[in-house]
């Protein structure tokens, strides 16, 4: 299982509550915050929901 680095690129101001909750669940909260997660289908689904607010990089082992 690989790792992915998620960087929040845009603010959650004026976004729906479900998008704000997804950003918080990913461990982000402000633009330019970064978090490394395992590459799982659950995380990929969360990223897809807020893809317009984040940037994703796949990390090599």
C-alpha atoms as a PDB file:
ATOM      1  CA  UNK A   1       0.000   0.000   0.000  1.00  0.00           C
ATOM      2  CA  UNK A   2       1.476   3.322  -1.080  1.00  0.00           C
ATOM      3  CA  UNK A   3       1.396   6.715   0.551  1.00  0.00           C
ATOM      4  CA  UNK A   4      -0.065   9.947  -0.743  1.00  0.00           C
ATOM      5  CA  UNK A   5       0.593  13.522   0.361  1.00  0.00           C
ATOM      6  CA  UNK A   6      -2.444  15.793   0.372  1.00  0.00           C
ATOM      7  CA  UNK A   7      -1.988  19.571   0.357  1.00  0.00           C
ATOM      8  CA  UNK A   8      -4.928  21.903   0.870  1.00  0.00           C
ATOM      9  CA  UNK A   9      -4.727  24.604  -1.794  1.00  0.00           C
ATOM     10  CA  UNK A  10      -7.956  26.543  -1.253  1.00  0.00           C
ATOM     11  CA  UNK A  11      -9.961  27.773   1.720  1.00  0.00           C
ATOM     12  CA  UNK A  12     -13.170  26.143   2.942  1.00  0.00           C
ATOM     13  CA  UNK A  13     -14.885  29.483   3.502  1.00  0.00           C
ATOM     14  CA  UNK A  14     -18.316  29.525   1.784  1.00  0.00           C
ATOM     15  CA  UNK A  15     -18.186  25.762   1.120  1.00  0.00           C
ATOM     16  CA  UNK A  16     -20.930  23.263   2.042  1.00  0.00           C
ATOM     17  CA  UNK A  17     -20.721  21.610   5.468  1.00  0.00           C
ATOM     18  CA  UNK A  18     -19.957  18.187   3.981  1.00  0.00           C
ATOM     19  CA  UNK A  19     -16.861  19.546   2.216  1.00  0.00           C
ATOM     20  CA  UNK A  20     -15.688  21.277   5.393  1.00  0.00           C
ATOM     21  CA  UNK A  21     -16.142  18.026   7.326  1.00  0.00           C
ATOM     22  CA  UNK A  22     -14.210  16.066   4.698  1.00  0.00           C
ATOM     23  CA  UNK A  23     -11.283  18.485   4.844  1.00  0.00           C
ATOM     24  CA  UNK A  24     -11.254  18.201   8.634  1.00  0.00           C
ATOM     25  CA  UNK A  25     -11.423  14.396   8.455  1.00  0.00           C
ATOM     26  CA  UNK A  26      -8.381  14.409   6.174  1.00  0.00           C
ATOM     27  CA  UNK A  27      -6.469  16.293   8.874  1.00  0.00           C
ATOM     28  CA  UNK A  28      -6.355  19.569   6.990  1.00  0.00           C
ATOM     29  CA  UNK A  29      -7.831  22.918   7.913  1.00  0.00           C
ATOM     30  CA  UNK A  30      -6.004  25.788   6.284  1.00  0.00           C
ATOM     31  CA  UNK A  31      -4.453  26.385   2.877  1.00  0.00           C
ATOM     32  CA  UNK A  32      -0.928  24.959   2.527  1.00  0.00           C
ATOM     33  CA  UNK A  33      -1.414  22.400   5.302  1.00  0.00           C
ATOM     34  CA  UNK A  34      -0.130  18.972   4.302  1.00  0.00           C
ATOM     35  CA  UNK A  35      -0.870  15.462   5.497  1.00  0.00           C
ATOM     36  CA  UNK A  36       0.416  12.027   4.480  1.00  0.00           C
ATOM     37  CA  UNK A  37      -2.095   9.169   4.327  1.00  0.00           C
ATOM     38  CA  UNK A  38      -2.099   5.569   3.177  1.00  0.00           C
ATOM     39  CA  UNK A  39      -3.513   5.194  -0.325  1.00  0.00           C
ATOM     40  CA  UNK A  40      -6.836   3.484   0.416  1.00  0.00           C
ATOM     41  CA  UNK A  41     -10.179   3.575  -1.403  1.00  0.00           C
ATOM     42  CA  UNK A  42     -11.713   5.483   1.519  1.00  0.00           C
ATOM     43  CA  UNK A  43      -9.091   8.255   1.349  1.00  0.00           C
ATOM     44  CA  UNK A  44      -9.380   8.381  -2.456  1.00  0.00           C
ATOM     45  CA  UNK A  45     -13.144   8.867  -2.135  1.00  0.00           C
ATOM     46  CA  UNK A  46     -12.641  11.737   0.295  1.00  0.00           C
ATOM     47  CA  UNK A  47     -10.100  13.317  -2.057  1.00  0.00           C
ATOM     48  CA  UNK A  48     -12.521  13.013  -4.975  1.00  0.00           C
ATOM     49  CA  UNK A  49     -15.175  14.870  -2.983  1.00  0.00           C
ATOM     50  CA  UNK A  50     -12.866  17.856  -2.338  1.00  0.00           C
ATOM     51  CA  UNK A  51     -10.572  17.551  -5.369  1.00  0.00           C
ATOM     52  CA  UNK A  52     -11.089  21.232  -6.209  1.00  0.00           C
ATOM     53  CA  UNK A  53      -9.640  22.211  -2.800  1.00  0.00           C
ATOM     54  CA  UNK A  54      -6.591  19.917  -2.594  1.00  0.00           C
ATOM     55  CA  UNK A  55      -3.505  18.796  -4.481  1.00  0.00           C
ATOM     56  CA  UNK A  56      -2.424  15.151  -4.305  1.00  0.00           C
ATOM     57  CA  UNK A  57       1.086  13.721  -4.765  1.00  0.00           C
ATOM     58  CA  UNK A  58       1.918  10.032  -4.722  1.00  0.00           C
ATOM     59  CA  UNK A  59       4.977   9.261  -2.621  1.00  0.00           C
ATOM     60  CA  UNK A  60       7.460   6.570  -3.564  1.00  0.00           C
ATOM     61  CA  UNK A  61       8.483   4.077  -0.912  1.00  0.00           C
END
